[in-house]
Protein backbone atom coordinates (compact mmCIF):
# COMPACT_ATOMS: atom_id res chain seq x y z
CA MET A 1 74.20 -33.76 -41.98
CA ARG A 2 73.47 -31.55 -38.98
CA ILE A 3 71.88 -32.06 -35.59
CA ILE A 4 68.66 -30.10 -35.16
CA LYS A 5 68.89 -27.83 -32.10
CA SER A 6 65.36 -26.56 -31.55
CA HIS A 7 61.71 -27.51 -31.90
CA VAL A 8 61.34 -24.64 -34.38
CA GLU A 9 63.97 -26.10 -36.71
CA ALA A 10 62.41 -29.57 -36.42
CA ALA A 11 58.90 -28.25 -37.12
CA LEU A 12 60.11 -26.30 -40.15
CA LEU A 13 61.78 -29.42 -41.56
CA ARG A 14 58.64 -31.51 -41.01
CA GLY A 15 56.60 -28.83 -42.77
CA ILE A 16 59.01 -28.62 -45.70
CA ALA A 17 58.87 -32.41 -46.14
CA GLY A 18 55.07 -32.26 -45.96
CA ALA A 19 54.85 -29.45 -48.50
CA ALA A 20 57.06 -31.48 -50.88
CA ARG A 21 54.84 -34.55 -50.26
CA LEU A 22 57.79 -36.64 -49.11
CA ASP A 23 57.09 -39.93 -47.35
CA ALA A 24 59.74 -41.90 -45.46
CA ASP A 25 57.79 -45.12 -46.01
CA ASP A 26 57.59 -44.72 -49.80
CA ARG A 27 60.82 -45.82 -51.49
CA GLU A 28 59.68 -44.17 -54.72
CA LYS A 29 59.87 -40.72 -53.09
CA PRO A 30 63.17 -38.85 -52.78
CA ILE A 31 64.85 -38.36 -49.44
CA MET A 32 65.50 -34.94 -47.90
CA ILE A 33 68.98 -34.38 -46.49
CA VAL A 34 69.71 -31.45 -44.17
CA GLU A 35 73.07 -29.90 -45.02
CA GLU A 36 73.04 -26.88 -42.72
CA VAL A 37 70.68 -24.84 -40.56
CA LEU A 38 71.62 -21.30 -39.54
CA THR A 39 69.45 -19.58 -36.95
CA GLU A 40 69.87 -15.92 -36.08
CA ASP A 41 67.84 -14.04 -33.47
CA TRP A 42 65.68 -11.30 -34.96
CA ALA A 43 63.70 -8.40 -33.49
CA SER A 44 61.64 -5.46 -34.69
CA ALA A 45 60.04 -2.69 -32.68
CA THR A 46 57.09 -4.95 -31.87
CA PHE A 47 58.14 -8.58 -32.50
CA LEU A 48 60.82 -11.08 -31.48
CA GLY A 49 61.75 -14.11 -33.49
CA ALA A 50 64.42 -15.75 -35.62
CA ARG A 51 65.69 -15.78 -39.18
CA ILE A 52 66.42 -19.32 -40.23
CA THR A 53 68.34 -20.43 -43.33
CA ILE A 54 68.10 -24.12 -44.19
CA ALA A 55 70.35 -25.76 -46.80
CA LEU A 56 68.78 -29.00 -48.02
CA ARG A 57 68.94 -31.45 -50.85
CA PHE A 58 66.56 -33.97 -52.32
CA GLU A 59 68.11 -37.25 -53.50
CA GLY A 60 66.44 -39.91 -55.54
CA GLU A 61 65.17 -40.81 -58.98
CA ALA A 62 65.36 -37.75 -61.24
CA ALA A 63 61.64 -37.46 -62.02
CA ALA A 64 60.67 -37.93 -58.36
CA VAL A 65 63.16 -35.29 -57.22
CA GLU A 66 61.85 -32.78 -59.74
CA ALA A 67 58.24 -33.58 -58.80
CA ALA A 68 58.99 -33.06 -55.09
CA PHE A 69 60.83 -29.81 -55.83
CA ALA A 70 57.89 -28.56 -57.93
CA GLU A 71 55.42 -29.47 -55.15
CA LEU A 72 57.56 -27.63 -52.63
CA GLY A 73 57.69 -24.54 -54.82
CA GLU A 74 53.91 -24.52 -55.27
CA ARG A 75 52.88 -25.28 -51.69
CA LEU A 76 55.57 -23.79 -49.39
CA GLN A 77 54.15 -20.26 -49.09
CA ASP A 78 50.69 -21.53 -48.07
CA TRP A 79 51.81 -24.44 -45.88
CA GLU A 80 50.40 -24.46 -42.34
CA PHE A 81 53.43 -24.96 -40.10
CA ARG A 82 52.82 -26.22 -36.56
CA LEU A 83 55.17 -24.33 -34.25
CA ALA A 84 54.52 -24.27 -30.51
CA GLY A 85 54.57 -20.64 -29.38
CA GLN A 86 55.72 -19.24 -32.72
CA ILE A 87 54.38 -18.55 -36.18
CA VAL A 88 56.05 -18.53 -39.58
CA ALA A 89 55.78 -14.93 -40.72
CA ASP A 90 57.54 -15.53 -44.04
CA ILE A 91 59.15 -18.47 -45.81
CA GLY A 92 60.52 -18.93 -49.29
CA LEU A 93 62.85 -20.75 -51.62
CA VAL A 94 66.00 -18.68 -51.91
CA SER A 95 68.19 -20.64 -54.27
CA GLY A 96 67.93 -23.60 -56.54
CA ALA A 97 70.29 -26.18 -57.90
CA ASP A 98 73.36 -23.97 -58.31
CA GLY A 99 73.01 -21.96 -55.09
CA THR A 100 73.21 -18.62 -56.91
CA GLU A 101 69.62 -17.72 -57.79
CA GLN A 102 68.30 -15.26 -55.20
CA LEU A 103 64.50 -15.42 -54.87
CA GLY A 104 64.01 -14.25 -51.27
CA THR A 105 65.13 -11.29 -49.21
CA ILE A 106 64.94 -12.40 -45.58
CA VAL A 107 68.60 -13.28 -44.97
CA PRO A 108 71.46 -11.31 -46.59
CA LYS A 109 72.92 -13.07 -49.62
CA ASP A 110 76.38 -13.39 -48.04
CA THR A 111 74.95 -15.66 -45.30
CA VAL A 112 73.37 -18.17 -47.72
CA PRO A 113 75.45 -21.38 -47.73
CA ASN A 114 77.30 -22.11 -50.97
CA LEU A 115 75.77 -25.16 -52.61
CA ALA A 116 77.80 -26.89 -55.28
CA ALA A 117 76.03 -29.07 -57.80
CA VAL A 118 76.33 -32.76 -56.98
CA PRO A 119 77.04 -35.18 -59.83
CA SER A 120 74.63 -37.97 -60.61
CA LEU A 121 74.67 -40.77 -58.05
CA GLY A 122 73.61 -43.43 -60.55
CA PRO A 123 71.94 -43.93 -63.93
CA SER A 124 68.77 -42.06 -62.98
CA THR A 125 69.58 -40.79 -59.48
CA VAL A 126 70.17 -37.11 -58.82
CA SER A 127 70.85 -34.81 -55.90
CA ARG A 128 69.23 -31.36 -55.99
CA PRO A 129 70.47 -28.82 -53.42
CA PHE A 130 68.45 -25.73 -52.47
CA VAL A 131 68.07 -23.17 -49.68
CA ILE A 132 64.95 -22.11 -47.82
CA GLU A 133 64.72 -19.03 -45.60
CA ALA A 134 62.11 -18.46 -42.92
CA LEU A 135 61.23 -15.70 -40.49
CA THR A 136 59.52 -16.91 -37.34
CA ILE A 137 58.04 -14.69 -34.65
CA ILE A 138 57.07 -15.46 -31.07
CA ASP A 139 53.31 -15.74 -30.78
């Protein structure tokens, strides 16, 4: 687990949990564990911002984990993130359970954390690792 360093990282994580319909008060829902957050300053000719790579995993009952992952996949692109002074210009799921599937293009592949599959934690409990990349720009 990693300490969150900025309000941008914290807001992205809150938005990701919201898009996946996670709820800390509902024991039936999976939990989201932050493995690593890499933030790199970014600039174009007209904008300043950051490229952020977030390695996460959902843990919980297998069906609930898959449901949360499916919700995240469907809702992430259209989610309204609340970032003070910044906007999310692009966000996407980069890799799934094995850490090798490349779906996004924001951060070079060699900077994506290696995620090994985690064995089952119990009879019906699973851990599903994945990576999300975001590009934020200063508003």
